[in-house]
N, C-alpha and C. Protein backbone atom coordinates (compact mmCIF):
# COMPACT_ATOMS: atom_id res chain seq x y z
N UNK A 1 0.94 -1.04 -0.10
CA UNK A 1 -0.10 -0.02 -0.04
C UNK A 1 0.85 1.28 0.00
N UNK A 2 0.70 2.18 -0.90
CA UNK A 2 1.63 3.45 -1.13
C UNK A 2 1.43 4.11 0.19
N UNK A 3 0.26 4.33 0.72
CA UNK A 3 0.05 5.40 1.84
C UNK A 3 1.02 4.75 3.11
N UNK A 4 0.89 3.39 3.22
CA UNK A 4 1.75 2.61 4.38
C UNK A 4 3.22 2.97 3.91
N UNK A 5 3.80 2.91 2.76
CA UNK A 5 4.94 3.13 2.49
C UNK A 5 5.64 4.50 2.78
N UNK A 6 4.70 5.46 2.39
CA UNK A 6 4.95 6.77 2.47
C UNK A 6 5.01 7.35 3.93
N UNK A 7 4.06 6.63 4.77
CA UNK A 7 4.10 7.10 6.18
C UNK A 7 5.30 6.92 6.94
N UNK A 8 6.48 6.05 6.36
CA UNK A 8 7.70 6.10 7.15
C UNK A 8 8.35 7.46 6.92
N UNK A 9 7.85 8.09 6.02
CA UNK A 9 8.59 9.55 5.75
C UNK A 9 7.79 10.60 6.41
N UNK A 10 6.33 10.49 6.27
CA UNK A 10 5.50 11.67 6.93
C UNK A 10 4.18 10.96 7.10
N UNK A 11 3.56 11.39 8.34
CA UNK A 11 2.34 10.78 8.70
C UNK A 11 1.32 11.05 7.61
N UNK A 12 0.44 10.25 7.43
CA UNK A 12 -0.61 10.28 6.26
C UNK A 12 -1.96 10.05 6.93
N UNK A 13 -2.58 11.49 7.17
CA UNK A 13 -3.90 11.21 7.78
C UNK A 13 -5.16 10.79 6.80
N UNK A 14 -5.87 9.63 7.20
CA UNK A 14 -6.82 9.18 6.24
C UNK A 14 -8.33 9.19 6.78
N UNK A 15 -8.54 9.73 8.01
CA UNK A 15 -9.99 9.98 8.58
C UNK A 15 -9.95 11.02 9.72
N UNK A 16 -10.86 11.79 9.76
CA UNK A 16 -10.94 12.81 10.78
C UNK A 16 -12.32 12.92 11.11
N UNK A 17 -12.69 13.13 12.29
CA UNK A 17 -14.12 13.31 12.74
C UNK A 17 -14.12 13.97 13.89
N UNK A 18 -15.35 14.82 14.07
CA UNK A 18 -15.44 15.56 15.47
C UNK A 18 -16.38 14.60 16.16
N UNK A 19 -16.11 14.38 17.46
CA UNK A 19 -16.76 13.48 18.36
C UNK A 19 -17.33 14.38 19.53
N UNK A 20 -18.64 14.11 20.05
CA UNK A 20 -19.15 14.96 21.09
C UNK A 20 -18.49 14.71 22.47
N UNK A 21 -17.73 13.56 22.43
CA UNK A 21 -17.08 13.15 23.64
C UNK A 21 -15.68 13.40 23.64
N UNK A 22 -15.01 13.04 22.56
CA UNK A 22 -13.59 13.10 22.33
C UNK A 22 -13.01 14.21 21.42
N UNK A 23 -14.11 15.21 21.07
CA UNK A 23 -13.70 16.44 20.26
C UNK A 23 -13.18 15.94 18.69
N UNK A 24 -11.82 15.90 18.52
CA UNK A 24 -11.34 15.40 17.40
C UNK A 24 -10.66 13.93 17.33
N UNK A 25 -11.18 13.28 16.41
CA UNK A 25 -10.54 11.80 16.29
C UNK A 25 -9.90 11.65 15.06
N UNK A 26 -8.76 11.16 14.91
CA UNK A 26 -8.00 11.01 13.69
C UNK A 26 -7.38 9.60 13.46
N UNK A 27 -7.54 9.04 12.30
CA UNK A 27 -6.95 7.95 11.91
C UNK A 27 -5.72 8.13 10.94
N UNK A 28 -4.58 7.85 11.36
CA UNK A 28 -3.56 8.14 10.51
C UNK A 28 -2.52 6.91 10.21
N UNK A 29 -1.95 6.86 9.09
CA UNK A 29 -0.78 5.95 8.76
C UNK A 29 0.50 6.62 9.44
N UNK A 30 1.20 6.00 10.29
CA UNK A 30 2.55 6.73 10.84
C UNK A 30 3.48 5.46 10.97
N UNK A 31 4.67 5.54 10.24
CA UNK A 31 5.79 4.71 10.48
C UNK A 31 5.23 3.15 10.10
N UNK A 32 4.32 3.07 9.22
CA UNK A 32 3.84 1.76 8.71
C UNK A 32 2.86 1.17 9.44
N UNK A 33 2.29 1.99 10.19
CA UNK A 33 0.87 1.38 11.08
C UNK A 33 -0.05 2.35 11.18
N UNK A 34 -1.26 1.91 11.33
CA UNK A 34 -2.48 2.83 11.64
C UNK A 34 -2.47 3.19 13.04
N UNK A 35 -2.67 4.44 13.43
CA UNK A 35 -2.91 5.01 14.84
C UNK A 35 -4.02 5.77 14.96
N UNK A 36 -4.49 5.67 16.14
CA UNK A 36 -5.75 6.41 16.51
C UNK A 36 -5.36 7.62 17.32
N UNK A 37 -5.46 8.82 17.00
CA UNK A 37 -5.23 10.05 17.77
C UNK A 37 -6.36 10.93 18.15
N UNK A 38 -6.18 11.61 19.25
CA UNK A 38 -7.16 12.77 19.53
C UNK A 38 -6.40 14.09 19.02
N UNK A 39 -6.76 15.21 19.22
CA UNK A 39 -6.18 16.43 18.65
C UNK A 39 -4.68 16.54 19.10
N UNK A 40 -4.31 16.23 20.35
CA UNK A 40 -3.08 16.50 20.89
C UNK A 40 -2.32 15.08 21.51
N UNK A 41 -2.98 13.96 21.37
CA UNK A 41 -2.35 12.82 21.91
C UNK A 41 -2.63 11.70 21.11
N UNK A 42 -1.70 10.64 21.44
CA UNK A 42 -1.92 9.38 20.89
C UNK A 42 -3.15 8.48 21.69
N UNK A 43 -4.08 7.98 21.05
CA UNK A 43 -5.10 7.12 21.81
C UNK A 43 -5.06 5.72 21.69
N UNK A 44 -4.55 5.27 20.49
CA UNK A 44 -4.39 3.71 20.41
C UNK A 44 -3.29 3.55 19.38
N UNK A 45 -2.65 2.34 19.73
CA UNK A 45 -1.53 2.02 18.81
C UNK A 45 -0.31 2.91 18.86
N UNK A 46 0.71 2.86 18.17
CA UNK A 46 1.77 3.89 18.31
C UNK A 46 2.43 3.81 19.55
N UNK A 47 2.61 5.05 20.27
CA UNK A 47 3.40 5.14 21.50
C UNK A 47 2.47 4.37 22.64
N UNK A 48 1.10 4.55 22.49
CA UNK A 48 0.29 4.06 23.66
C UNK A 48 0.34 2.65 23.75
N UNK A 49 0.34 2.03 22.52
CA UNK A 49 0.60 0.46 22.57
C UNK A 49 1.73 0.10 23.18
N UNK A 50 2.90 0.85 22.97
CA UNK A 50 4.17 0.43 23.43
C UNK A 50 4.18 0.57 24.99
N UNK A 51 3.46 1.62 25.42
CA UNK A 51 3.50 1.81 26.98
C UNK A 51 2.57 0.71 27.59
N UNK A 52 1.49 0.47 27.13
CA UNK A 52 0.61 -0.60 27.80
C UNK A 52 1.28 -2.03 27.68
N UNK A 53 1.95 -2.30 26.66
CA UNK A 53 2.67 -3.46 26.44
C UNK A 53 3.76 -3.68 27.57
N UNK A 54 4.35 -2.57 27.67
CA UNK A 54 5.51 -2.58 28.78
C UNK A 54 4.92 -2.72 30.22
N UNK A 55 3.64 -2.40 30.36
CA UNK A 55 3.03 -2.65 31.61
C UNK A 55 2.66 -4.09 31.77
N UNK A 56 2.01 -4.45 30.69
CA UNK A 56 1.67 -6.10 30.60
C UNK A 56 2.82 -7.17 30.77
N UNK A 57 3.88 -6.59 30.17
CA UNK A 57 5.13 -7.43 30.25
C UNK A 57 5.63 -7.22 31.47
N UNK A 58 5.54 -6.32 32.37
CA UNK A 58 6.01 -6.32 34.02
C UNK A 58 5.21 -7.16 34.63
N UNK A 59 3.94 -7.18 34.28
CA UNK A 59 2.98 -8.34 35.12
C UNK A 59 3.30 -9.69 34.77
N UNK A 60 3.70 -9.79 33.50
CA UNK A 60 4.10 -11.02 33.10
C UNK A 60 3.12 -11.91 32.36
N UNK A 61 3.56 -12.23 31.01
CA UNK A 61 2.66 -12.80 30.07
C UNK A 61 2.13 -14.25 30.58
N UNK A 62 3.00 -14.86 31.27
CA UNK A 62 2.66 -16.19 31.76
C UNK A 62 1.50 -15.94 32.79
N UNK A 63 1.46 -14.93 33.60
CA UNK A 63 0.53 -14.58 34.54
C UNK A 63 -0.63 -14.28 33.91
N UNK A 64 -0.65 -13.58 32.96
CA UNK A 64 -1.85 -13.11 32.25
C UNK A 64 -2.63 -14.16 31.47
N UNK A 65 -1.81 -15.21 30.92
CA UNK A 65 -2.41 -16.26 30.31
C UNK A 65 -3.22 -17.03 31.16
N UNK A 66 -3.09 -17.10 32.37
CA UNK A 66 -3.79 -17.86 33.45
C UNK A 66 -5.01 -17.26 34.01
N UNK A 67 -5.21 -15.78 33.64
CA UNK A 67 -6.32 -15.14 33.99
C UNK A 67 -7.43 -15.49 33.31
N UNK A 68 -8.78 -15.35 33.82
CA UNK A 68 -10.03 -15.79 33.10
C UNK A 68 -10.93 -14.49 32.80
N UNK A 69 -10.70 -13.31 33.31
CA UNK A 69 -11.34 -12.14 33.08
C UNK A 69 -10.61 -10.85 33.16
N UNK A 70 -10.47 -10.06 32.06
CA UNK A 70 -10.00 -8.85 32.14
C UNK A 70 -10.84 -7.74 31.68
N UNK A 71 -10.85 -6.58 32.77
CA UNK A 71 -11.56 -5.61 32.60
C UNK A 71 -10.71 -4.46 32.06
N UNK A 72 -11.31 -3.66 30.79
CA UNK A 72 -10.46 -2.52 30.34
C UNK A 72 -11.48 -1.28 30.27
N UNK A 73 -10.98 -0.33 31.17
CA UNK A 73 -11.78 0.94 31.34
C UNK A 73 -11.01 1.89 30.30
N UNK A 74 -11.71 2.26 29.10
CA UNK A 74 -11.18 3.11 28.15
C UNK A 74 -10.82 2.32 26.94
N UNK A 75 -11.51 2.12 25.95
CA UNK A 75 -11.13 1.22 24.92
C UNK A 75 -10.40 1.95 23.80
N UNK A 76 -10.91 3.04 23.20
CA UNK A 76 -10.46 3.69 22.10
C UNK A 76 -10.20 2.74 20.93
N UNK A 77 -9.29 2.68 20.13
CA UNK A 77 -9.17 1.85 19.18
C UNK A 77 -8.87 0.29 19.67
N UNK A 78 -8.56 0.11 20.71
CA UNK A 78 -8.35 -1.37 21.16
C UNK A 78 -7.03 -1.93 21.13
N UNK A 79 -6.08 -0.97 21.10
CA UNK A 79 -4.74 -1.36 20.82
C UNK A 79 -4.12 -2.53 21.95
N UNK A 80 -4.63 -2.20 23.15
CA UNK A 80 -4.14 -3.19 24.37
C UNK A 80 -4.88 -4.44 24.27
N UNK A 81 -6.19 -4.55 23.51
CA UNK A 81 -6.94 -5.61 23.28
C UNK A 81 -6.01 -6.47 22.23
N UNK A 82 -5.70 -5.84 21.24
CA UNK A 82 -4.79 -6.45 20.17
C UNK A 82 -3.67 -7.12 20.85
N UNK A 83 -2.89 -6.38 21.82
CA UNK A 83 -1.80 -6.89 22.42
C UNK A 83 -1.91 -8.09 23.16
N UNK A 84 -3.03 -8.10 23.84
CA UNK A 84 -3.65 -9.27 24.72
C UNK A 84 -3.75 -10.50 23.82
N UNK A 85 -4.56 -10.38 22.78
CA UNK A 85 -5.13 -11.41 21.85
C UNK A 85 -4.14 -11.78 20.84
N UNK A 86 -3.31 -10.89 20.25
CA UNK A 86 -2.46 -11.24 18.92
C UNK A 86 -1.04 -11.50 19.64
N UNK A 87 -0.57 -10.89 20.65
CA UNK A 87 0.65 -10.94 20.94
C UNK A 87 0.96 -11.81 22.12
N UNK A 88 0.03 -11.94 23.15
CA UNK A 88 0.19 -12.65 24.30
C UNK A 88 -0.78 -13.97 24.15
N UNK A 89 -1.47 -13.94 23.23
CA UNK A 89 -2.41 -15.23 22.83
C UNK A 89 -3.22 -15.34 24.10
N UNK A 90 -3.93 -14.30 24.50
CA UNK A 90 -4.88 -14.51 25.70
C UNK A 90 -6.29 -14.98 25.02
N UNK A 91 -6.88 -16.17 25.61
CA UNK A 91 -7.93 -16.85 25.12
C UNK A 91 -9.23 -16.46 25.87
N UNK A 92 -9.15 -15.74 27.18
CA UNK A 92 -10.36 -15.74 27.91
C UNK A 92 -11.13 -14.48 27.58
N UNK A 93 -12.08 -14.05 28.69
CA UNK A 93 -12.95 -12.99 28.47
C UNK A 93 -12.23 -11.65 28.75
N UNK A 94 -12.47 -10.65 27.86
CA UNK A 94 -12.35 -9.30 27.93
C UNK A 94 -13.50 -8.41 28.00
N UNK A 95 -13.72 -7.72 28.84
CA UNK A 95 -14.77 -6.60 28.88
C UNK A 95 -14.19 -5.20 28.85
N UNK A 96 -14.57 -4.42 27.81
CA UNK A 96 -14.20 -3.15 27.35
C UNK A 96 -15.30 -2.20 27.70
N UNK A 97 -14.95 -1.21 28.37
CA UNK A 97 -15.92 -0.12 28.76
C UNK A 97 -15.43 1.12 28.08
N UNK A 98 -16.16 1.76 27.26
CA UNK A 98 -15.95 3.00 26.36
C UNK A 98 -17.12 3.88 26.45
N UNK A 99 -16.90 5.07 26.83
CA UNK A 99 -18.10 6.18 26.98
C UNK A 99 -18.47 6.60 25.57
N UNK A 100 -17.48 6.49 24.46
CA UNK A 100 -17.67 7.35 23.42
C UNK A 100 -18.09 6.21 22.25
N UNK A 101 -19.35 6.09 21.70
CA UNK A 101 -19.79 5.18 20.58
C UNK A 101 -19.10 5.57 19.40
N UNK A 102 -18.66 6.76 19.15
CA UNK A 102 -18.10 7.11 17.87
C UNK A 102 -16.62 6.55 17.86
N UNK A 103 -15.99 6.43 19.04
CA UNK A 103 -14.79 5.76 19.16
C UNK A 103 -14.88 4.15 18.73
N UNK A 104 -16.04 3.59 19.28
CA UNK A 104 -15.99 2.14 18.94
C UNK A 104 -16.31 1.74 17.46
N UNK A 105 -17.17 2.77 16.94
CA UNK A 105 -17.45 2.90 15.43
C UNK A 105 -16.13 2.87 14.60
N UNK A 106 -15.22 3.69 14.93
CA UNK A 106 -13.98 3.91 14.12
C UNK A 106 -13.13 2.69 14.60
N UNK A 107 -12.99 2.23 15.86
CA UNK A 107 -12.32 0.99 16.21
C UNK A 107 -12.73 -0.23 15.31
N UNK A 108 -14.04 -0.53 15.12
CA UNK A 108 -14.52 -1.52 14.30
C UNK A 108 -14.04 -1.52 12.71
N UNK A 109 -14.23 -0.21 12.37
CA UNK A 109 -14.14 0.06 10.95
C UNK A 109 -12.54 0.09 10.35
N UNK A 110 -11.72 0.63 11.29
CA UNK A 110 -10.29 0.58 10.72
C UNK A 110 -9.50 -0.24 11.58
N UNK A 111 -9.84 -0.90 12.74
CA UNK A 111 -8.97 -1.90 13.44
C UNK A 111 -9.73 -3.18 13.93
N UNK A 112 -10.83 -3.37 13.16
CA UNK A 112 -11.47 -4.73 13.18
C UNK A 112 -11.61 -5.20 14.64
N UNK A 113 -11.99 -4.34 15.50
CA UNK A 113 -12.18 -4.59 16.90
C UNK A 113 -13.28 -5.65 17.09
N UNK A 114 -14.37 -5.44 16.26
CA UNK A 114 -15.68 -6.25 16.49
C UNK A 114 -15.35 -7.59 15.93
N UNK A 115 -14.28 -8.06 15.38
CA UNK A 115 -13.93 -9.44 14.99
C UNK A 115 -13.11 -10.20 16.07
N UNK A 116 -12.95 -9.45 17.31
CA UNK A 116 -12.50 -10.27 18.53
C UNK A 116 -13.65 -10.79 19.20
N UNK A 117 -13.76 -12.16 19.26
CA UNK A 117 -14.97 -12.85 19.53
C UNK A 117 -14.98 -12.58 21.19
N UNK A 118 -13.96 -12.81 21.76
CA UNK A 118 -13.84 -12.91 23.31
C UNK A 118 -13.99 -11.52 23.92
N UNK A 119 -14.06 -10.43 23.17
CA UNK A 119 -14.23 -9.19 23.65
C UNK A 119 -15.55 -8.68 23.79
N UNK A 120 -16.30 -8.27 24.87
CA UNK A 120 -17.48 -7.68 25.04
C UNK A 120 -17.10 -6.17 25.17
N UNK A 121 -17.78 -5.33 24.29
CA UNK A 121 -17.65 -3.87 24.50
C UNK A 121 -18.99 -3.26 25.04
N UNK A 122 -18.97 -2.49 26.13
CA UNK A 122 -19.98 -1.84 26.92
C UNK A 122 -19.86 -0.36 26.88
N UNK A 123 -20.90 0.30 26.13
CA UNK A 123 -20.85 1.67 26.17
C UNK A 123 -21.51 2.26 27.30
N UNK A 124 -20.49 2.70 28.08
CA UNK A 124 -20.99 3.39 29.44
C UNK A 124 -19.88 4.22 29.96
N UNK A 125 -20.14 5.06 30.87
CA UNK A 125 -19.04 5.67 31.79
C UNK A 125 -18.59 4.89 32.76
N UNK A 126 -17.15 4.94 32.64
CA UNK A 126 -16.41 3.86 33.59
C UNK A 126 -16.83 3.88 35.06
N UNK A 127 -17.05 5.12 35.49
CA UNK A 127 -17.38 5.41 36.97
C UNK A 127 -18.67 4.55 37.07
N UNK A 128 -19.59 4.75 36.35
CA UNK A 128 -20.90 4.14 36.46
C UNK A 128 -20.82 2.65 36.30
N UNK A 129 -20.01 2.31 35.46
CA UNK A 129 -19.73 0.83 35.21
C UNK A 129 -19.27 0.12 36.54
N UNK A 130 -18.15 0.71 37.03
CA UNK A 130 -17.49 0.23 38.18
C UNK A 130 -18.50 0.11 39.28
N UNK A 131 -19.21 1.08 39.54
CA UNK A 131 -20.19 0.97 40.64
C UNK A 131 -21.26 -0.19 40.49
N UNK A 132 -21.63 -0.43 39.18
CA UNK A 132 -22.79 -1.49 38.92
C UNK A 132 -22.32 -2.92 38.84
N UNK A 133 -20.98 -3.28 38.30
CA UNK A 133 -20.65 -4.30 38.10
C UNK A 133 -20.64 -5.30 39.17
N UNK A 134 -21.05 -6.56 38.88
CA UNK A 134 -21.05 -7.75 39.85
C UNK A 134 -19.93 -8.61 39.84
N UNK A 135 -19.19 -8.50 38.72
CA UNK A 135 -18.12 -9.36 38.38
C UNK A 135 -16.81 -9.02 39.06
N UNK A 136 -15.97 -10.08 39.27
CA UNK A 136 -14.64 -9.85 39.67
C UNK A 136 -13.53 -10.00 38.55
N UNK A 137 -12.51 -9.29 38.65
CA UNK A 137 -11.60 -9.47 37.67
C UNK A 137 -10.14 -9.84 37.91
N UNK A 138 -9.45 -10.35 37.06
CA UNK A 138 -7.91 -10.83 37.38
C UNK A 138 -7.14 -9.48 36.98
N UNK A 139 -7.37 -8.71 36.24
CA UNK A 139 -6.71 -7.55 35.66
C UNK A 139 -7.79 -6.53 35.29
N UNK A 140 -7.47 -5.32 35.84
CA UNK A 140 -8.35 -4.07 35.47
C UNK A 140 -7.21 -3.10 34.91
N UNK A 141 -7.51 -2.72 33.73
CA UNK A 141 -6.52 -1.84 32.89
C UNK A 141 -7.30 -0.51 32.75
N UNK A 142 -6.66 0.53 33.37
CA UNK A 142 -7.40 1.91 33.36
C UNK A 142 -6.45 2.76 32.35
N UNK A 143 -7.32 3.01 31.13
CA UNK A 143 -6.74 3.92 30.25
C UNK A 143 -7.67 4.93 29.69
N UNK A 144 -7.95 5.71 30.49
CA UNK A 144 -8.84 6.91 30.22
C UNK A 144 -8.37 8.36 30.15
N UNK A 145 -8.66 8.81 28.90
CA UNK A 145 -8.14 10.38 28.64
C UNK A 145 -9.16 10.94 27.85
N UNK A 146 -9.30 12.15 28.21
CA UNK A 146 -10.15 13.13 27.30
C UNK A 146 -8.97 14.06 26.60
N UNK A 147 -8.41 13.79 25.57
CA UNK A 147 -7.30 14.42 24.89
C UNK A 147 -6.19 14.25 25.96
N UNK A 148 -5.65 15.30 26.40
CA UNK A 148 -4.56 15.18 27.37
C UNK A 148 -4.92 15.30 28.79
N UNK A 149 -6.15 15.26 29.03
CA UNK A 149 -6.60 15.42 30.32
C UNK A 149 -7.13 14.17 30.92
N UNK A 150 -7.03 14.00 32.17
CA UNK A 150 -7.53 12.77 32.92
C UNK A 150 -8.77 13.12 33.75
N UNK A 151 -9.75 12.52 33.79
CA UNK A 151 -10.89 12.76 34.54
C UNK A 151 -10.50 12.66 36.28
N UNK A 152 -11.00 13.74 36.96
CA UNK A 152 -10.63 13.76 38.26
C UNK A 152 -11.20 12.67 39.16
N UNK A 153 -12.27 11.88 38.75
CA UNK A 153 -12.70 10.75 39.57
C UNK A 153 -11.72 9.59 39.57
N UNK A 154 -10.87 9.51 38.58
CA UNK A 154 -10.01 8.46 38.47
C UNK A 154 -8.94 8.39 39.90
N UNK A 155 -8.76 9.56 40.41
CA UNK A 155 -7.97 9.67 41.50
C UNK A 155 -8.43 9.83 42.81
N UNK A 156 -9.80 9.82 42.83
CA UNK A 156 -10.40 9.94 44.01
C UNK A 156 -10.37 8.58 44.91
N UNK A 157 -10.27 8.68 46.23
CA UNK A 157 -10.08 7.57 46.93
C UNK A 157 -11.33 6.44 46.84
N UNK A 158 -12.53 7.08 46.74
CA UNK A 158 -13.51 6.14 46.52
C UNK A 158 -13.43 5.36 45.41
N UNK A 159 -13.04 5.93 44.20
CA UNK A 159 -13.03 5.14 42.93
C UNK A 159 -11.67 4.15 43.15
N UNK A 160 -10.69 4.45 43.64
CA UNK A 160 -9.43 3.64 43.94
C UNK A 160 -9.95 2.42 44.72
N UNK A 161 -10.59 2.55 45.74
CA UNK A 161 -11.21 1.77 46.83
C UNK A 161 -12.16 0.88 45.98
N UNK A 162 -12.89 1.30 45.33
CA UNK A 162 -14.03 0.49 44.65
C UNK A 162 -13.22 -0.47 43.45
N UNK A 163 -12.34 0.20 42.75
CA UNK A 163 -11.58 -0.69 41.85
C UNK A 163 -10.99 -2.01 42.47
N UNK A 164 -10.53 -1.65 43.57
CA UNK A 164 -9.48 -2.68 44.30
C UNK A 164 -10.48 -3.91 44.82
N UNK A 165 -11.74 -3.51 45.15
CA UNK A 165 -12.70 -4.41 45.65
C UNK A 165 -12.92 -5.45 44.49
N UNK A 166 -12.76 -4.92 43.17
CA UNK A 166 -13.25 -5.63 42.18
C UNK A 166 -12.10 -6.83 41.72
N UNK A 167 -11.00 -6.75 42.31
CA UNK A 167 -10.08 -7.69 42.04
C UNK A 167 -10.20 -9.01 42.75
N UNK A 168 -9.88 -10.04 41.99
CA UNK A 168 -9.77 -11.25 42.49
C UNK A 168 -8.38 -11.52 43.30
N UNK A 169 -8.31 -12.60 44.01
CA UNK A 169 -7.03 -12.66 44.83
C UNK A 169 -5.89 -12.65 43.75
N UNK A 170 -4.63 -12.08 44.16
CA UNK A 170 -3.65 -12.00 43.08
C UNK A 170 -3.87 -11.21 41.91
N UNK A 171 -4.98 -10.38 41.84
CA UNK A 171 -5.32 -9.64 40.67
C UNK A 171 -4.56 -8.35 40.66
N UNK A 172 -4.65 -7.72 39.58
CA UNK A 172 -3.70 -6.60 39.23
C UNK A 172 -4.49 -5.56 38.66
N UNK A 173 -4.13 -4.12 38.91
CA UNK A 173 -4.59 -2.92 38.24
C UNK A 173 -3.47 -2.46 37.55
N UNK A 174 -3.44 -2.14 36.22
CA UNK A 174 -2.63 -1.52 35.25
C UNK A 174 -3.21 -0.16 35.04
N UNK A 175 -2.74 1.07 35.60
CA UNK A 175 -3.37 2.30 35.47
C UNK A 175 -2.25 3.21 34.67
N UNK A 176 -2.55 3.76 33.66
CA UNK A 176 -1.79 4.67 32.59
C UNK A 176 -2.12 5.89 32.84
N UNK A 177 -1.19 6.79 33.55
CA UNK A 177 -1.33 8.10 33.63
C UNK A 177 -0.49 9.06 32.94
N UNK A 178 -0.98 10.29 32.97
CA UNK A 178 -0.32 11.28 31.96
C UNK A 178 0.36 12.36 33.07
N UNK A 179 1.65 12.62 32.82
CA UNK A 179 2.30 13.61 33.72
C UNK A 179 2.99 14.69 32.86
N UNK A 180 2.30 15.90 33.32
CA UNK A 180 2.49 17.15 32.25
C UNK A 180 3.13 18.08 33.34
N UNK A 181 3.20 18.14 34.52
CA UNK A 181 3.55 18.97 35.51
C UNK A 181 3.92 18.45 36.79
N UNK A 182 4.43 19.18 37.59
CA UNK A 182 4.56 18.70 39.10
C UNK A 182 3.58 18.40 39.71
N UNK A 183 2.38 19.08 39.53
CA UNK A 183 1.03 18.84 40.23
C UNK A 183 0.78 17.36 40.07
N UNK A 184 0.73 16.81 38.60
CA UNK A 184 0.51 15.56 38.19
C UNK A 184 1.64 14.57 39.01
N UNK A 185 2.72 14.78 39.28
CA UNK A 185 3.66 14.03 40.08
C UNK A 185 3.05 13.82 41.56
N UNK A 186 2.58 15.01 42.27
CA UNK A 186 2.13 15.06 43.34
C UNK A 186 0.85 14.15 43.42
N UNK A 187 -0.01 14.17 42.53
CA UNK A 187 -1.30 13.46 42.46
C UNK A 187 -0.90 12.16 42.55
N UNK A 188 -0.04 11.45 41.57
CA UNK A 188 0.26 10.20 41.50
C UNK A 188 0.77 9.48 42.84
N UNK A 189 1.61 10.51 43.52
CA UNK A 189 2.26 9.90 44.70
C UNK A 189 1.24 9.73 45.79
N UNK A 190 0.19 10.84 45.78
CA UNK A 190 -0.92 10.71 46.75
C UNK A 190 -1.82 9.34 46.48
N UNK A 191 -2.04 9.21 45.04
CA UNK A 191 -2.82 8.06 44.67
C UNK A 191 -2.27 6.77 45.29
N UNK A 192 -0.89 6.58 45.16
CA UNK A 192 -0.17 5.24 45.74
C UNK A 192 -0.40 5.27 47.19
N UNK A 193 -0.19 6.40 47.80
CA UNK A 193 -0.10 6.51 49.30
C UNK A 193 -1.54 6.16 49.95
N UNK A 194 -2.63 6.21 49.05
CA UNK A 194 -3.99 5.95 49.62
C UNK A 194 -4.28 4.49 49.47
N UNK A 195 -3.65 3.63 48.72
CA UNK A 195 -3.85 2.09 48.71
C UNK A 195 -3.42 1.39 49.87
N UNK A 196 -4.29 0.80 50.41
CA UNK A 196 -3.95 0.07 51.79
C UNK A 196 -2.76 -0.98 51.49
N UNK A 197 -1.54 -0.85 52.18
CA UNK A 197 -0.46 -1.58 52.05
C UNK A 197 -0.63 -3.02 52.83
N UNK A 198 -1.67 -3.22 53.48
CA UNK A 198 -1.94 -4.62 54.09
C UNK A 198 -2.47 -5.51 53.08
N UNK A 199 -3.34 -4.85 51.99
CA UNK A 199 -3.96 -5.72 51.19
C UNK A 199 -3.34 -5.65 49.80
N UNK A 200 -2.60 -4.64 49.43
CA UNK A 200 -2.20 -4.38 48.11
C UNK A 200 -0.57 -3.99 48.10
N UNK A 201 0.14 -4.43 46.89
CA UNK A 201 1.36 -3.72 46.89
C UNK A 201 1.11 -2.85 45.77
N UNK A 202 2.03 -1.73 45.56
CA UNK A 202 2.07 -0.78 44.57
C UNK A 202 3.30 -0.51 43.84
N UNK A 203 3.40 -0.07 42.61
CA UNK A 203 4.65 0.29 42.18
C UNK A 203 4.45 1.15 41.02
N UNK A 204 5.50 2.06 40.81
CA UNK A 204 5.41 3.00 39.59
C UNK A 204 6.54 2.38 38.74
N UNK A 205 6.32 2.14 37.39
CA UNK A 205 7.21 1.76 36.43
C UNK A 205 8.00 2.93 35.78
N UNK A 206 9.50 2.83 35.68
CA UNK A 206 10.20 3.83 35.10
C UNK A 206 9.48 4.14 33.66
N UNK A 207 9.53 5.31 33.33
CA UNK A 207 8.80 5.96 32.14
C UNK A 207 9.59 5.48 30.81
N UNK A 208 8.79 5.07 29.87
CA UNK A 208 9.36 4.65 28.49
C UNK A 208 9.02 5.65 27.54
N UNK A 209 8.06 6.57 28.00
CA UNK A 209 7.62 7.75 27.02
C UNK A 209 7.55 8.92 28.09
N UNK A 210 7.93 10.07 27.60
CA UNK A 210 8.15 11.25 28.45
C UNK A 210 7.02 11.47 29.32
N UNK A 211 5.69 11.45 29.00
CA UNK A 211 4.63 12.07 29.77
C UNK A 211 3.82 10.78 30.31
N UNK A 212 3.91 9.62 30.05
CA UNK A 212 3.19 8.52 30.58
C UNK A 212 3.85 7.90 31.82
N UNK A 213 3.10 7.62 32.86
CA UNK A 213 3.72 6.86 33.98
C UNK A 213 2.66 5.89 34.16
N UNK A 214 2.98 4.60 34.40
CA UNK A 214 2.28 3.33 34.81
C UNK A 214 2.33 2.98 36.39
N UNK A 215 1.17 2.86 36.86
CA UNK A 215 1.11 2.34 38.08
C UNK A 215 0.52 1.00 38.27
N UNK A 216 1.05 0.11 39.04
CA UNK A 216 0.57 -1.27 39.00
C UNK A 216 0.24 -1.56 40.46
N UNK A 217 -0.98 -2.16 40.76
CA UNK A 217 -1.36 -2.41 42.02
C UNK A 217 -1.67 -3.84 41.99
N UNK A 218 -1.16 -4.64 42.98
CA UNK A 218 -1.38 -6.18 43.13
C UNK A 218 -2.21 -6.42 44.47
N UNK A 219 -3.30 -7.15 44.23
CA UNK A 219 -3.98 -7.51 45.50
C UNK A 219 -3.26 -8.93 46.06
N UNK A 220 -2.83 -8.76 47.23
CA UNK A 220 -2.20 -9.78 48.01
C UNK A 220 -3.22 -10.71 48.38
N UNK A 221 -3.07 -11.92 48.13
CA UNK A 221 -3.97 -13.22 48.30
C UNK A 221 -4.26 -13.36 49.74
């Protein structure tokens, strides 16, 4: 494909749409792969896929293969789902929660997300879903952005506690955060300090991209 070839030289935009939830959504050929972006940041594939792959590798692919239910809060184009299914060969259930139906429509059209049989996509607000769900999960991946902003509820103690109650024994939370200033550094350290150390272990991974910091929480059996 000519566009794929030339994308190694210069990014080639092939789709752009205004979304009520996400403002601008763009699909672009970049360095030989399709990526999904908002106006100011990468939403799926590209650097974001590298970041979440790094987090999954830290948890351990062998550990993930033994899990039976993974929850993804923030689906976008579904790059982390593709990593789980295509690279790790994960065979069990994935539930993806995405607030923006336009995003899922694009993910289905350009990234074939609807062809992944073990994935159930729920169009819902992540906060509301987390309050309602009766399931328990081996891994909860939090990857929620509104362009470069992260909703405040993600860092509130109530939400952190609720997420942690949804984990099975030895379950994990993988939380992708964006650091743009010192206040965000303070916010992340406060977040970790509020996780109960008697029930959970926490760690921050060294950054592989300038502005993203991964937090991993593990429930102690």
